[in-house]
Amino acid sequence: MSRKFAVILIAMVVAVAFVGTLTYAVAGTPPETVLIDKAKNKKPGVEFPHKVHAEKFECKDCHHTAKIPDEAESCFNCHGKLPDIPDPGEMSTKKNPFHILCKTCHSDLKKAGKETGPTKCKECHS
């Protein structure tokens, strides 16, 4: 192998590693907030503090179909579009996926005596 070819090969490997790391860093950065407003005709939307949750929990805790952070999709890619999947347009505490996941998690943390988020309607829907 020539020296020139070896230098080019090493440069390419370094470039690919750099781009891969940069891509992961950008793709893996959660948004500061997410507006959940699919039921806005029934209640005001909720400004969900996504970054705060991403710092305390793993992506898969909420994004239940993701095996790695890069696979975490918007909840609305399935919820509200596919039958037999809880719909965020429902206000029922038994049918709305955010009421099911968020309120259950907050209530469990509260019972355990840990710091938690809101558990009452107006604490989110203001």
C-alpha atoms as a PDB file:
ATOM      1  CA  MET A   1       0.000   0.000   0.000  1.00  0.00           C
ATOM      2  CA  SER A   2       1.396   3.365  -0.945  1.00  0.00           C
ATOM      3  CA  ARG A   3       1.910   6.081   1.642  1.00  0.00           C
ATOM      4  CA  LYS A   4      -0.441   8.438  -0.260  1.00  0.00           C
ATOM      5  CA  PHE A   5      -3.223   5.809  -0.273  1.00  0.00           C
ATOM      6  CA  ALA A   6      -2.735   5.178   3.471  1.00  0.00           C
ATOM      7  CA  VAL A   7      -2.997   8.915   4.247  1.00  0.00           C
ATOM      8  CA  ILE A   8      -6.180   9.231   2.156  1.00  0.00           C
ATOM      9  CA  LEU A   9      -7.677   6.142   3.818  1.00  0.00           C
ATOM     10  CA  ILE A  10      -6.927   7.465   7.319  1.00  0.00           C
ATOM     11  CA  ALA A  11      -8.371  10.886   6.412  1.00  0.00           C
ATOM     12  CA  MET A  12     -11.551   9.245   5.160  1.00  0.00           C
ATOM     13  CA  VAL A  13     -11.939   7.165   8.337  1.00  0.00           C
ATOM     14  CA  VAL A  14     -11.462  10.263  10.505  1.00  0.00           C
ATOM     15  CA  ALA A  15     -13.977  12.234   8.388  1.00  0.00           C
ATOM     16  CA  VAL A  16     -16.595   9.482   8.619  1.00  0.00           C
ATOM     17  CA  ALA A  17     -16.108   9.210  12.392  1.00  0.00           C
ATOM     18  CA  PHE A  18     -16.438  12.989  12.760  1.00  0.00           C
ATOM     19  CA  VAL A  19     -19.590  13.219  10.624  1.00  0.00           C
ATOM     20  CA  GLY A  20     -21.120  10.234  12.437  1.00  0.00           C
ATOM     21  CA  THR A  21     -20.444  11.793  15.835  1.00  0.00           C
ATOM     22  CA  LEU A  22     -21.791  15.165  14.714  1.00  0.00           C
ATOM     23  CA  THR A  23     -24.911  13.564  13.229  1.00  0.00           C
ATOM     24  CA  TYR A  24     -25.596  11.681  16.475  1.00  0.00           C
ATOM     25  CA  ALA A  25     -25.065  14.835  18.540  1.00  0.00           C
ATOM     26  CA  VAL A  26     -27.520  16.837  16.435  1.00  0.00           C
ATOM     27  CA  ALA A  27     -30.090  14.045  15.992  1.00  0.00           C
ATOM     28  CA  GLY A  28     -29.788  13.038  19.640  1.00  0.00           C
ATOM     29  CA  THR A  29     -30.523  16.543  20.945  1.00  0.00           C
ATOM     30  CA  PRO A  30     -34.077  16.669  22.272  1.00  0.00           C
ATOM     31  CA  PRO A  31     -36.242  19.734  21.675  1.00  0.00           C
ATOM     32  CA  GLU A  32     -36.595  22.179  24.566  1.00  0.00           C
ATOM     33  CA  THR A  33     -40.405  21.850  24.570  1.00  0.00           C
ATOM     34  CA  VAL A  34     -43.090  20.036  22.613  1.00  0.00           C
ATOM     35  CA  LEU A  35     -46.604  21.424  22.139  1.00  0.00           C
ATOM     36  CA  ILE A  36     -49.229  18.762  22.741  1.00  0.00           C
ATOM     37  CA  ASP A  37     -52.432  20.215  21.364  1.00  0.00           C
ATOM     38  CA  LYS A  38     -54.313  17.401  19.635  1.00  0.00           C
ATOM     39  CA  ALA A  39     -57.291  17.897  21.969  1.00  0.00           C
ATOM     40  CA  LYS A  40     -57.211  21.704  21.860  1.00  0.00           C
ATOM     41  CA  ASN A  41     -60.900  21.841  20.939  1.00  0.00           C
ATOM     42  CA  LYS A  42     -61.613  20.329  24.380  1.00  0.00           C
ATOM     43  CA  LYS A  43     -58.808  21.713  26.580  1.00  0.00           C
ATOM     44  CA  PRO A  44     -55.912  24.154  26.057  1.00  0.00           C
ATOM     45  CA  GLY A  45     -52.745  22.546  24.675  1.00  0.00           C
ATOM     46  CA  VAL A  46     -49.857  21.572  26.934  1.00  0.00           C
ATOM     47  CA  GLU A  47     -46.337  22.947  26.558  1.00  0.00           C
ATOM     48  CA  PHE A  48     -44.442  19.777  27.493  1.00  0.00           C
ATOM     49  CA  PRO A  49     -40.937  20.431  28.934  1.00  0.00           C
ATOM     50  CA  HIS A  50     -39.242  17.742  26.808  1.00  0.00           C
ATOM     51  CA  LYS A  51     -35.624  18.638  27.595  1.00  0.00           C
ATOM     52  CA  VAL A  52     -36.260  18.527  31.352  1.00  0.00           C
ATOM     53  CA  HIS A  53     -37.668  15.008  31.011  1.00  0.00           C
ATOM     54  CA  ALA A  54     -34.879  13.923  28.641  1.00  0.00           C
ATOM     55  CA  GLU A  55     -32.325  14.902  31.281  1.00  0.00           C
ATOM     56  CA  LYS A  56     -34.027  12.775  33.974  1.00  0.00           C
ATOM     57  CA  PHE A  57     -35.271   9.736  32.040  1.00  0.00           C
ATOM     58  CA  GLU A  58     -34.237   7.499  29.179  1.00  0.00           C
ATOM     59  CA  CYS A  59     -35.880   8.034  25.775  1.00  0.00           C
ATOM     60  CA  LYS A  60     -37.441   4.561  25.865  1.00  0.00           C
ATOM     61  CA  ASP A  61     -39.316   5.420  29.075  1.00  0.00           C
ATOM     62  CA  CYS A  62     -41.743   7.463  26.959  1.00  0.00           C
ATOM     63  CA  HIS A  63     -40.823   6.596  23.376  1.00  0.00           C
ATOM     64  CA  HIS A  64     -41.680   2.976  24.024  1.00  0.00           C
ATOM     65  CA  THR A  65     -40.978   1.748  20.482  1.00  0.00           C
ATOM     66  CA  ALA A  66     -37.424   3.171  20.354  1.00  0.00           C
ATOM     67  CA  LYS A  67     -34.527   0.801  20.991  1.00  0.00           C
ATOM     68  CA  ILE A  68     -31.950   3.609  20.697  1.00  0.00           C
ATOM     69  CA  PRO A  69     -32.410   7.404  21.059  1.00  0.00           C
ATOM     70  CA  ASP A  70     -32.144   7.999  17.298  1.00  0.00           C
ATOM     71  CA  GLU A  71     -35.250   5.848  16.785  1.00  0.00           C
ATOM     72  CA  ALA A  72     -37.397   8.024  19.050  1.00  0.00           C
ATOM     73  CA  GLU A  73     -40.186   9.361  16.852  1.00  0.00           C
ATOM     74  CA  SER A  74     -42.894  11.882  17.518  1.00  0.00           C
ATOM     75  CA  CYS A  75     -45.751  10.324  19.462  1.00  0.00           C
ATOM     76  CA  PHE A  76     -48.096  11.601  16.770  1.00  0.00           C
ATOM     77  CA  ASN A  77     -46.577   9.338  14.105  1.00  0.00           C
ATOM     78  CA  CYS A  78     -48.695   6.512  15.545  1.00  0.00           C
ATOM     79  CA  HIS A  79     -50.959   7.946  18.251  1.00  0.00           C
ATOM     80  CA  GLY A  80     -54.018   9.463  16.630  1.00  0.00           C
ATOM     81  CA  LYS A  81     -53.308   7.864  13.264  1.00  0.00           C
ATOM     82  CA  LEU A  82     -53.466   4.122  13.812  1.00  0.00           C
ATOM     83  CA  PRO A  83     -56.527   2.284  15.128  1.00  0.00           C
ATOM     84  CA  ASP A  84     -56.200   0.434  18.434  1.00  0.00           C
ATOM     85  CA  ILE A  85     -53.522   2.888  19.638  1.00  0.00           C
ATOM     86  CA  PRO A  86     -54.506   5.461  22.293  1.00  0.00           C
ATOM     87  CA  ASP A  87     -55.477   8.757  20.669  1.00  0.00           C
ATOM     88  CA  PRO A  88     -54.158  12.091  22.038  1.00  0.00           C
ATOM     89  CA  GLY A  89     -57.383  13.718  20.782  1.00  0.00           C
ATOM     90  CA  GLU A  90     -59.303  11.882  23.516  1.00  0.00           C
ATOM     91  CA  MET A  91     -59.641  13.651  26.851  1.00  0.00           C
ATOM     92  CA  SER A  92     -60.405  10.495  28.807  1.00  0.00           C
ATOM     93  CA  THR A  93     -57.789   9.614  31.410  1.00  0.00           C
ATOM     94  CA  LYS A  94     -58.142   6.009  30.241  1.00  0.00           C
ATOM     95  CA  LYS A  95     -57.766   6.685  26.485  1.00  0.00           C
ATOM     96  CA  ASN A  96     -55.407   9.651  26.094  1.00  0.00           C
ATOM     97  CA  PRO A  97     -51.805   8.338  25.922  1.00  0.00           C
ATOM     98  CA  PHE A  98     -50.405  11.390  27.693  1.00  0.00           C
ATOM     99  CA  HIS A  99     -52.901  11.107  30.505  1.00  0.00           C
ATOM    100  CA  ILE A 100     -52.067   7.411  30.792  1.00  0.00           C
ATOM    101  CA  LEU A 101     -48.264   7.776  30.718  1.00  0.00           C
ATOM    102  CA  CYS A 102     -47.629  11.192  32.251  1.00  0.00           C
ATOM    103  CA  LYS A 103     -50.235  11.191  34.989  1.00  0.00           C
ATOM    104  CA  THR A 104     -49.401   7.615  36.007  1.00  0.00           C
ATOM    105  CA  CYS A 105     -45.678   8.414  36.203  1.00  0.00           C
ATOM    106  CA  HIS A 106     -46.263  11.640  38.151  1.00  0.00           C
ATOM    107  CA  SER A 107     -48.664   9.900  40.557  1.00  0.00           C
ATOM    108  CA  ASP A 108     -46.227   7.022  41.135  1.00  0.00           C
ATOM    109  CA  LEU A 109     -43.388   9.443  41.868  1.00  0.00           C
ATOM    110  CA  LYS A 110     -45.624  11.409  44.240  1.00  0.00           C
ATOM    111  CA  LYS A 111     -46.588   8.211  46.118  1.00  0.00           C
ATOM    112  CA  ALA A 112     -42.896   7.357  46.420  1.00  0.00           C
ATOM    113  CA  GLY A 113     -42.272  10.779  47.992  1.00  0.00           C
ATOM    114  CA  LYS A 114     -40.182  11.984  45.052  1.00  0.00           C
ATOM    115  CA  GLU A 115     -40.244  15.311  43.235  1.00  0.00           C
ATOM    116  CA  THR A 116     -42.758  15.140  40.415  1.00  0.00           C
ATOM    117  CA  GLY A 117     -44.809  17.066  37.927  1.00  0.00           C
ATOM    118  CA  PRO A 118     -48.482  17.957  37.768  1.00  0.00           C
ATOM    119  CA  THR A 119     -51.280  15.479  38.381  1.00  0.00           C
ATOM    120  CA  LYS A 120     -54.344  17.727  38.067  1.00  0.00           C
ATOM    121  CA  CYS A 121     -55.950  19.012  34.830  1.00  0.00           C
ATOM    122  CA  LYS A 122     -55.341  22.729  35.279  1.00  0.00           C
ATOM    123  CA  GLU A 123     -51.718  22.182  36.248  1.00  0.00           C
ATOM    124  CA  CYS A 124     -51.014  21.181  32.611  1.00  0.00           C
ATOM    125  CA  HIS A 125     -53.948  22.675  30.714  1.00  0.00           C
ATOM    126  CA  SER A 126     -53.681  26.334  31.643  1.00  0.00           C
END
